[in-house]
Amino acid sequence: MRSGIRQTQVGKKKLILVIASIVVAGLTITAVLVLARSERGVVLTVDTDKEDYAPGEPVRIHIQLKNYGFSTVNLVYGSSLIMHFSIYDSDGAQVFVPPMVGLMVITHVALEPGGTRSSEYVWDQVNETGEQVELPASFTVRALSWSYEHHFYANTTFSISD
């Protein structure tokens, strides 16, 4: 009878240790996620609606500035142009820069936690002189957002092939 009681007590101790380990691991993971989110702050991303396009097909470019932190981030820009991009071919040569249209005024941007600023552009696969870019090729979109406080960069790639 005594051995049955000892096994039950040992089994309970093991169960308590397993539960305590799970709780500690869960709290550690939660703390790491909270720290990662608060450390991440504002992030610039750029993407296209597809990875591969046919010749002449419009390329939709989406740029987003997002605050992943827990507090409001205030950014100050030297113009009303907050985000911008350019497109480079696989050799690193710049093939397209959209017109930079912005007012030369100090612009304050307050990004609340989870807040975003975004911009979309459609590129018709032509260079700045209106000529079709050489194909097939892969391209890189390089986006940037330069405030006085921070310089944000992001890249994405896509291909144009027959």
N, C-alpha and C. Protein backbone atom coordinates (compact mmCIF):
# COMPACT_ATOMS: atom_id res chain seq x y z
N MET A 1 0.82 -1.19 0.00
CA MET A 1 0.00 0.00 0.00
C MET A 1 0.86 1.25 0.00
N ARG A 2 1.96 1.22 0.74
CA ARG A 2 2.82 2.39 0.81
C ARG A 2 3.42 2.71 -0.55
N SER A 3 3.80 1.73 -1.33
CA SER A 3 4.41 2.00 -2.63
C SER A 3 3.41 2.69 -3.56
N GLY A 4 2.15 2.39 -3.47
CA GLY A 4 1.13 3.07 -4.27
C GLY A 4 1.00 4.53 -3.89
N ILE A 5 1.13 4.85 -2.64
CA ILE A 5 1.06 6.23 -2.17
C ILE A 5 2.29 6.99 -2.65
N ARG A 6 3.47 6.37 -2.56
CA ARG A 6 4.68 7.03 -3.02
C ARG A 6 4.62 7.32 -4.52
N GLN A 7 4.12 6.36 -5.30
CA GLN A 7 4.01 6.57 -6.75
C GLN A 7 3.07 7.73 -7.05
N THR A 8 1.99 7.84 -6.30
CA THR A 8 1.04 8.92 -6.52
C THR A 8 1.68 10.26 -6.18
N GLN A 9 2.44 10.33 -5.07
CA GLN A 9 3.10 11.57 -4.70
C GLN A 9 4.15 11.96 -5.72
N VAL A 10 4.94 10.96 -6.20
CA VAL A 10 5.95 11.22 -7.22
C VAL A 10 5.26 11.67 -8.50
N GLY A 11 4.16 11.03 -8.87
CA GLY A 11 3.41 11.41 -10.08
C GLY A 11 2.87 12.82 -9.97
N LYS A 12 2.39 13.22 -8.80
CA LYS A 12 1.88 14.58 -8.59
C LYS A 12 3.02 15.60 -8.71
N LYS A 13 4.18 15.27 -8.14
CA LYS A 13 5.33 16.17 -8.22
C LYS A 13 5.76 16.37 -9.67
N LYS A 14 5.78 15.28 -10.43
CA LYS A 14 6.15 15.38 -11.85
C LYS A 14 5.14 16.24 -12.60
N LEU A 15 3.87 16.03 -12.33
CA LEU A 15 2.82 16.79 -12.98
C LEU A 15 2.95 18.27 -12.64
N ILE A 16 3.22 18.59 -11.40
CA ILE A 16 3.39 19.98 -10.98
C ILE A 16 4.60 20.60 -11.68
N LEU A 17 5.71 19.86 -11.79
CA LEU A 17 6.90 20.35 -12.48
C LEU A 17 6.61 20.60 -13.96
N VAL A 18 5.87 19.70 -14.59
CA VAL A 18 5.53 19.87 -16.01
C VAL A 18 4.66 21.10 -16.19
N ILE A 19 3.67 21.29 -15.36
CA ILE A 19 2.78 22.45 -15.45
C ILE A 19 3.56 23.73 -15.21
N ALA A 20 4.43 23.72 -14.20
CA ALA A 20 5.25 24.91 -13.92
C ALA A 20 6.16 25.23 -15.10
N SER A 21 6.73 24.21 -15.72
CA SER A 21 7.59 24.43 -16.89
C SER A 21 6.81 25.04 -18.05
N ILE A 22 5.60 24.55 -18.26
CA ILE A 22 4.76 25.09 -19.34
C ILE A 22 4.41 26.55 -19.07
N VAL A 23 4.06 26.86 -17.83
CA VAL A 23 3.72 28.25 -17.47
C VAL A 23 4.93 29.16 -17.67
N VAL A 24 6.09 28.74 -17.18
CA VAL A 24 7.30 29.55 -17.33
C VAL A 24 7.64 29.73 -18.81
N ALA A 25 7.55 28.67 -19.59
CA ALA A 25 7.83 28.76 -21.03
C ALA A 25 6.84 29.71 -21.71
N GLY A 26 5.58 29.61 -21.34
CA GLY A 26 4.57 30.50 -21.92
C GLY A 26 4.82 31.95 -21.58
N LEU A 27 5.18 32.22 -20.33
CA LEU A 27 5.49 33.60 -19.93
C LEU A 27 6.73 34.10 -20.64
N THR A 28 7.72 33.25 -20.82
CA THR A 28 8.95 33.64 -21.51
C THR A 28 8.65 33.99 -22.97
N ILE A 29 7.87 33.15 -23.63
CA ILE A 29 7.51 33.42 -25.03
C ILE A 29 6.73 34.72 -25.13
N THR A 30 5.78 34.93 -24.24
CA THR A 30 5.00 36.17 -24.24
C THR A 30 5.91 37.37 -24.03
N ALA A 31 6.84 37.28 -23.10
CA ALA A 31 7.75 38.39 -22.83
C ALA A 31 8.62 38.68 -24.04
N VAL A 32 9.09 37.64 -24.71
CA VAL A 32 9.91 37.82 -25.90
C VAL A 32 9.09 38.48 -27.01
N LEU A 33 7.85 38.06 -27.20
CA LEU A 33 7.00 38.66 -28.22
C LEU A 33 6.72 40.13 -27.91
N VAL A 34 6.46 40.44 -26.67
CA VAL A 34 6.21 41.83 -26.27
C VAL A 34 7.46 42.66 -26.50
N LEU A 35 8.61 42.15 -26.11
CA LEU A 35 9.86 42.87 -26.30
C LEU A 35 10.14 43.05 -27.79
N ALA A 36 9.94 42.01 -28.58
CA ALA A 36 10.19 42.11 -30.02
C ALA A 36 9.27 43.16 -30.64
N ARG A 37 8.02 43.18 -30.22
CA ARG A 37 7.10 44.16 -30.79
C ARG A 37 7.49 45.58 -30.39
N SER A 38 7.85 45.77 -29.13
CA SER A 38 8.18 47.13 -28.69
C SER A 38 9.52 47.58 -29.27
N GLU A 39 10.45 46.66 -29.50
CA GLU A 39 11.74 47.01 -30.08
C GLU A 39 11.63 47.26 -31.58
N ARG A 40 10.65 46.68 -32.20
CA ARG A 40 10.53 46.77 -33.65
C ARG A 40 10.20 48.18 -34.09
N GLY A 41 9.33 48.87 -33.37
CA GLY A 41 9.01 50.25 -33.70
C GLY A 41 8.39 50.42 -35.07
N VAL A 42 8.85 51.43 -35.80
CA VAL A 42 8.30 51.74 -37.12
C VAL A 42 9.09 50.97 -38.18
N VAL A 43 8.34 50.37 -39.11
CA VAL A 43 8.95 49.56 -40.15
C VAL A 43 8.38 50.00 -41.50
N LEU A 44 9.26 50.12 -42.49
CA LEU A 44 8.85 50.41 -43.87
C LEU A 44 8.86 49.10 -44.64
N THR A 45 7.78 48.83 -45.38
CA THR A 45 7.71 47.65 -46.24
C THR A 45 7.32 48.07 -47.65
N VAL A 46 7.76 47.29 -48.62
CA VAL A 46 7.35 47.50 -50.00
C VAL A 46 7.09 46.12 -50.60
N ASP A 47 6.03 46.03 -51.38
CA ASP A 47 5.74 44.77 -52.07
C ASP A 47 5.01 45.04 -53.37
N THR A 48 4.95 44.02 -54.19
CA THR A 48 4.20 44.08 -55.44
C THR A 48 3.06 43.08 -55.33
N ASP A 49 2.05 43.24 -56.17
CA ASP A 49 0.89 42.34 -56.08
C ASP A 49 1.19 40.94 -56.59
N LYS A 50 2.29 40.78 -57.35
CA LYS A 50 2.69 39.47 -57.87
C LYS A 50 4.21 39.38 -57.87
N GLU A 51 4.74 38.18 -58.06
CA GLU A 51 6.19 38.01 -58.16
C GLU A 51 6.65 37.95 -59.61
N ASP A 52 5.75 37.58 -60.53
CA ASP A 52 6.12 37.44 -61.94
C ASP A 52 5.04 38.09 -62.80
N TYR A 53 5.49 38.89 -63.77
CA TYR A 53 4.58 39.63 -64.64
C TYR A 53 4.85 39.29 -66.10
N ALA A 54 3.83 39.45 -66.92
CA ALA A 54 3.98 39.33 -68.37
C ALA A 54 4.44 40.68 -68.91
N PRO A 55 5.09 40.70 -70.07
CA PRO A 55 5.50 41.99 -70.66
C PRO A 55 4.30 42.92 -70.85
N GLY A 56 4.45 44.15 -70.44
CA GLY A 56 3.40 45.15 -70.59
C GLY A 56 2.35 45.15 -69.48
N GLU A 57 2.36 44.14 -68.62
CA GLU A 57 1.38 44.04 -67.54
C GLU A 57 1.72 45.06 -66.44
N PRO A 58 0.75 45.82 -65.96
CA PRO A 58 1.02 46.81 -64.91
C PRO A 58 1.54 46.16 -63.63
N VAL A 59 2.57 46.76 -63.05
CA VAL A 59 3.15 46.28 -61.79
C VAL A 59 2.64 47.19 -60.68
N ARG A 60 1.89 46.61 -59.76
CA ARG A 60 1.32 47.39 -58.66
C ARG A 60 2.29 47.34 -57.47
N ILE A 61 2.72 48.52 -57.05
CA ILE A 61 3.70 48.65 -55.96
C ILE A 61 3.00 49.28 -54.76
N HIS A 62 3.15 48.64 -53.61
CA HIS A 62 2.53 49.13 -52.37
C HIS A 62 3.64 49.38 -51.35
N ILE A 63 3.68 50.59 -50.80
CA ILE A 63 4.66 50.96 -49.78
C ILE A 63 3.89 51.32 -48.51
N GLN A 64 4.39 50.81 -47.37
CA GLN A 64 3.71 51.08 -46.11
C GLN A 64 4.71 51.37 -45.00
N LEU A 65 4.41 52.38 -44.22
CA LEU A 65 5.14 52.73 -43.01
C LEU A 65 4.20 52.39 -41.85
N LYS A 66 4.62 51.47 -40.97
CA LYS A 66 3.73 51.01 -39.89
C LYS A 66 4.45 51.03 -38.55
N ASN A 67 3.71 51.46 -37.52
CA ASN A 67 4.21 51.49 -36.15
C ASN A 67 3.80 50.20 -35.44
N TYR A 68 4.77 49.32 -35.20
CA TYR A 68 4.51 48.07 -34.49
C TYR A 68 4.72 48.23 -32.98
N GLY A 69 5.11 49.40 -32.54
CA GLY A 69 5.37 49.63 -31.12
C GLY A 69 4.12 49.89 -30.32
N PHE A 70 4.32 50.19 -29.04
CA PHE A 70 3.21 50.42 -28.12
C PHE A 70 2.95 51.89 -27.84
N SER A 71 3.78 52.77 -28.39
CA SER A 71 3.57 54.20 -28.16
C SER A 71 3.60 54.94 -29.49
N THR A 72 3.03 56.13 -29.48
CA THR A 72 2.99 56.96 -30.68
C THR A 72 4.40 57.38 -31.07
N VAL A 73 4.68 57.33 -32.37
CA VAL A 73 5.98 57.77 -32.90
C VAL A 73 5.74 59.02 -33.73
N ASN A 74 6.48 60.07 -33.42
CA ASN A 74 6.37 61.33 -34.15
C ASN A 74 7.56 61.47 -35.09
N LEU A 75 7.28 61.65 -36.37
CA LEU A 75 8.31 61.81 -37.39
C LEU A 75 8.13 63.17 -38.05
N VAL A 76 9.24 63.81 -38.40
CA VAL A 76 9.20 65.11 -39.05
C VAL A 76 9.96 64.98 -40.37
N TYR A 77 9.32 65.42 -41.45
CA TYR A 77 9.89 65.36 -42.80
C TYR A 77 10.13 66.78 -43.33
N GLY A 78 11.10 66.92 -44.21
CA GLY A 78 11.42 68.21 -44.79
C GLY A 78 10.52 68.60 -45.95
N SER A 79 9.60 67.71 -46.32
CA SER A 79 8.61 68.01 -47.37
C SER A 79 7.39 67.15 -47.12
N SER A 80 6.38 67.31 -47.97
CA SER A 80 5.18 66.48 -47.82
C SER A 80 5.36 65.10 -48.44
N LEU A 81 6.51 64.85 -49.07
CA LEU A 81 6.82 63.54 -49.64
C LEU A 81 7.36 62.65 -48.52
N ILE A 82 6.55 61.70 -48.09
CA ILE A 82 6.91 60.86 -46.95
C ILE A 82 7.58 59.56 -47.38
N MET A 83 7.12 58.97 -48.49
CA MET A 83 7.68 57.72 -48.99
C MET A 83 7.98 57.87 -50.47
N HIS A 84 9.03 57.19 -50.91
CA HIS A 84 9.43 57.28 -52.31
C HIS A 84 10.07 55.95 -52.71
N PHE A 85 10.16 55.68 -54.01
CA PHE A 85 10.80 54.45 -54.47
C PHE A 85 11.46 54.67 -55.82
N SER A 86 12.30 53.71 -56.18
CA SER A 86 12.90 53.65 -57.51
C SER A 86 13.04 52.17 -57.87
N ILE A 87 13.20 51.90 -59.18
CA ILE A 87 13.27 50.52 -59.66
C ILE A 87 14.62 50.31 -60.34
N TYR A 88 15.25 49.18 -60.01
CA TYR A 88 16.58 48.83 -60.53
C TYR A 88 16.51 47.49 -61.23
N ASP A 89 17.33 47.33 -62.30
CA ASP A 89 17.37 46.03 -62.98
C ASP A 89 18.33 45.10 -62.25
N SER A 90 18.49 43.88 -62.78
CA SER A 90 19.32 42.88 -62.10
C SER A 90 20.80 43.26 -62.08
N ASP A 91 21.23 44.19 -62.93
CA ASP A 91 22.61 44.68 -62.92
C ASP A 91 22.81 45.81 -61.92
N GLY A 92 21.74 46.26 -61.28
CA GLY A 92 21.82 47.36 -60.32
C GLY A 92 21.66 48.73 -60.94
N ALA A 93 21.34 48.76 -62.24
CA ALA A 93 21.14 50.05 -62.92
C ALA A 93 19.72 50.56 -62.66
N GLN A 94 19.61 51.81 -62.34
CA GLN A 94 18.30 52.41 -62.10
C GLN A 94 17.57 52.52 -63.43
N VAL A 95 16.34 51.97 -63.47
CA VAL A 95 15.56 52.02 -64.71
C VAL A 95 14.35 52.95 -64.62
N PHE A 96 13.91 53.25 -63.38
CA PHE A 96 12.73 54.10 -63.26
C PHE A 96 12.70 54.77 -61.89
N VAL A 97 12.39 56.07 -61.91
CA VAL A 97 12.12 56.84 -60.70
C VAL A 97 10.85 57.64 -60.99
N PRO A 98 9.80 57.45 -60.20
CA PRO A 98 8.59 58.22 -60.45
C PRO A 98 8.82 59.70 -60.14
N PRO A 99 8.01 60.56 -60.72
CA PRO A 99 8.14 61.99 -60.39
C PRO A 99 7.96 62.20 -58.88
N MET A 100 8.82 63.00 -58.29
CA MET A 100 8.73 63.31 -56.87
C MET A 100 7.89 64.57 -56.72
N VAL A 101 6.65 64.36 -56.33
CA VAL A 101 5.73 65.48 -56.18
C VAL A 101 5.45 65.67 -54.69
N GLY A 102 5.86 66.81 -54.18
CA GLY A 102 5.63 67.10 -52.78
C GLY A 102 5.85 68.57 -52.52
N LEU A 103 5.16 69.08 -51.55
CA LEU A 103 5.32 70.48 -51.16
C LEU A 103 6.54 70.62 -50.26
N MET A 104 7.28 71.67 -50.41
CA MET A 104 8.45 71.92 -49.57
C MET A 104 8.01 72.59 -48.26
N VAL A 105 7.35 71.80 -47.45
CA VAL A 105 6.89 72.27 -46.15
C VAL A 105 7.26 71.22 -45.11
N ILE A 106 7.55 71.65 -43.91
CA ILE A 106 7.83 70.70 -42.83
C ILE A 106 6.54 69.91 -42.58
N THR A 107 6.66 68.59 -42.58
CA THR A 107 5.49 67.72 -42.43
C THR A 107 5.68 66.85 -41.19
N HIS A 108 4.72 66.92 -40.27
CA HIS A 108 4.74 66.12 -39.05
C HIS A 108 3.82 64.91 -39.25
N VAL A 109 4.35 63.74 -38.94
CA VAL A 109 3.56 62.51 -39.05
C VAL A 109 3.56 61.85 -37.68
N ALA A 110 2.38 61.63 -37.12
CA ALA A 110 2.24 60.93 -35.84
C ALA A 110 1.65 59.56 -36.13
N LEU A 111 2.42 58.51 -35.87
CA LEU A 111 1.93 57.15 -36.07
C LEU A 111 1.56 56.55 -34.72
N GLU A 112 0.28 56.37 -34.51
CA GLU A 112 -0.21 55.73 -33.29
C GLU A 112 0.22 54.26 -33.31
N PRO A 113 0.17 53.56 -32.18
CA PRO A 113 0.46 52.12 -32.19
C PRO A 113 -0.45 51.42 -33.19
N GLY A 114 0.14 50.67 -34.10
CA GLY A 114 -0.62 49.99 -35.16
C GLY A 114 -0.96 50.90 -36.33
N GLY A 115 -0.64 52.19 -36.24
CA GLY A 115 -0.96 53.15 -37.29
C GLY A 115 -0.09 52.97 -38.52
N THR A 116 -0.64 53.33 -39.67
CA THR A 116 0.09 53.17 -40.92
C THR A 116 -0.06 54.41 -41.81
N ARG A 117 0.89 54.57 -42.69
CA ARG A 117 0.82 55.48 -43.83
C ARG A 117 1.18 54.62 -45.03
N SER A 118 0.41 54.69 -46.09
CA SER A 118 0.73 53.86 -47.24
C SER A 118 0.55 54.62 -48.53
N SER A 119 1.18 54.08 -49.57
CA SER A 119 1.16 54.69 -50.88
C SER A 119 1.16 53.57 -51.91
N GLU A 120 0.44 53.78 -53.00
CA GLU A 120 0.41 52.79 -54.08
C GLU A 120 0.77 53.46 -55.39
N TYR A 121 1.39 52.68 -56.26
CA TYR A 121 1.81 53.19 -57.55
C TYR A 121 1.70 52.06 -58.57
N VAL A 122 1.35 52.38 -59.80
CA VAL A 122 1.31 51.40 -60.87
C VAL A 122 2.39 51.76 -61.88
N TRP A 123 3.31 50.80 -62.11
CA TRP A 123 4.40 51.00 -63.05
C TRP A 123 4.08 50.25 -64.34
N ASP A 124 4.21 50.93 -65.46
CA ASP A 124 3.84 50.37 -66.76
C ASP A 124 5.02 49.73 -67.50
N GLN A 125 6.07 49.37 -66.78
CA GLN A 125 7.24 48.70 -67.33
C GLN A 125 8.00 49.54 -68.36
N VAL A 126 7.98 50.85 -68.18
CA VAL A 126 8.73 51.73 -69.07
C VAL A 126 9.74 52.52 -68.24
N ASN A 127 10.82 52.95 -68.91
CA ASN A 127 11.80 53.77 -68.21
C ASN A 127 11.34 55.22 -68.21
N GLU A 128 12.18 56.11 -67.73
CA GLU A 128 11.78 57.52 -67.60
C GLU A 128 11.55 58.23 -68.93
N THR A 129 12.09 57.66 -70.03
CA THR A 129 11.87 58.26 -71.36
C THR A 129 10.68 57.63 -72.07
N GLY A 130 9.99 56.71 -71.38
CA GLY A 130 8.80 56.10 -71.96
C GLY A 130 9.06 54.85 -72.79
N GLU A 131 10.30 54.37 -72.82
CA GLU A 131 10.64 53.17 -73.57
C GLU A 131 10.44 51.92 -72.71
N GLN A 132 10.01 50.83 -73.35
CA GLN A 132 9.85 49.54 -72.66
C GLN A 132 11.21 49.10 -72.11
N VAL A 133 11.24 48.62 -70.87
CA VAL A 133 12.49 48.13 -70.29
C VAL A 133 12.88 46.82 -70.96
N GLU A 134 14.18 46.50 -70.93
CA GLU A 134 14.66 45.26 -71.55
C GLU A 134 14.14 44.05 -70.79
N LEU A 135 13.68 43.05 -71.55
CA LEU A 135 13.11 41.84 -70.96
C LEU A 135 13.76 40.62 -71.58
N PRO A 136 13.67 39.45 -70.98
CA PRO A 136 13.19 39.22 -69.62
C PRO A 136 14.21 39.72 -68.61
N ALA A 137 13.74 40.02 -67.44
CA ALA A 137 14.64 40.53 -66.40
C ALA A 137 13.97 40.45 -65.04
N SER A 138 14.82 40.53 -64.02
CA SER A 138 14.29 40.68 -62.66
C SER A 138 14.60 42.10 -62.22
N PHE A 139 13.74 42.62 -61.37
CA PHE A 139 13.84 44.01 -60.93
C PHE A 139 13.73 44.08 -59.41
N THR A 140 14.29 45.15 -58.86
CA THR A 140 14.20 45.41 -57.42
C THR A 140 13.57 46.78 -57.21
N VAL A 141 12.57 46.81 -56.36
CA VAL A 141 11.98 48.09 -55.95
C VAL A 141 12.65 48.46 -54.64
N ARG A 142 13.25 49.65 -54.60
CA ARG A 142 13.90 50.15 -53.39
C ARG A 142 13.06 51.33 -52.88
N ALA A 143 12.46 51.14 -51.72
CA ALA A 143 11.62 52.18 -51.13
C ALA A 143 12.39 52.85 -49.99
N LEU A 144 12.05 54.11 -49.75
CA LEU A 144 12.67 54.81 -48.64
C LEU A 144 11.71 55.83 -48.05
N SER A 145 11.98 56.14 -46.80
CA SER A 145 11.23 57.17 -46.08
C SER A 145 12.23 57.83 -45.15
N TRP A 146 12.57 59.07 -45.44
CA TRP A 146 13.60 59.78 -44.68
C TRP A 146 12.99 60.90 -43.86
N SER A 147 12.85 60.65 -42.57
CA SER A 147 12.45 61.73 -41.67
C SER A 147 13.72 62.29 -41.06
N TYR A 148 13.60 63.37 -40.33
CA TYR A 148 14.77 63.91 -39.65
C TYR A 148 15.28 62.94 -38.59
N GLU A 149 14.36 62.17 -37.99
CA GLU A 149 14.72 61.27 -36.89
C GLU A 149 15.25 59.92 -37.37
N HIS A 150 14.67 59.39 -38.44
CA HIS A 150 15.00 58.03 -38.89
C HIS A 150 15.01 57.96 -40.42
N HIS A 151 15.85 57.06 -40.93
CA HIS A 151 15.86 56.74 -42.35
C HIS A 151 15.43 55.29 -42.49
N PHE A 152 14.32 55.08 -43.17
CA PHE A 152 13.77 53.74 -43.34
C PHE A 152 14.00 53.28 -44.78
N TYR A 153 14.36 51.99 -44.94
CA TYR A 153 14.59 51.40 -46.26
C TYR A 153 13.87 50.06 -46.36
N ALA A 154 13.46 49.70 -47.58
CA ALA A 154 12.86 48.38 -47.82
C ALA A 154 13.04 48.04 -49.30
N ASN A 155 13.18 46.76 -49.57
CA ASN A 155 13.34 46.27 -50.95
C ASN A 155 12.40 45.10 -51.21
N THR A 156 12.05 44.92 -52.47
CA THR A 156 11.36 43.72 -52.91
C THR A 156 11.75 43.47 -54.36
N THR A 157 11.66 42.24 -54.79
CA THR A 157 12.03 41.90 -56.16
C THR A 157 10.85 41.27 -56.89
N PHE A 158 10.87 41.38 -58.21
CA PHE A 158 9.88 40.75 -59.08
C PHE A 158 10.52 40.51 -60.43
N SER A 159 9.86 39.69 -61.26
CA SER A 159 10.38 39.37 -62.59
C SER A 159 9.36 39.71 -63.67
N ILE A 160 9.88 39.98 -64.86
CA ILE A 160 9.05 40.15 -66.03
C ILE A 160 9.59 39.19 -67.07
N SER A 161 8.76 38.26 -67.49
CA SER A 161 9.20 37.26 -68.47
C SER A 161 8.02 36.87 -69.37
N ASP A 162 8.39 36.31 -70.50
CA ASP A 162 7.36 35.86 -71.48
C ASP A 162 6.64 34.64 -71.02
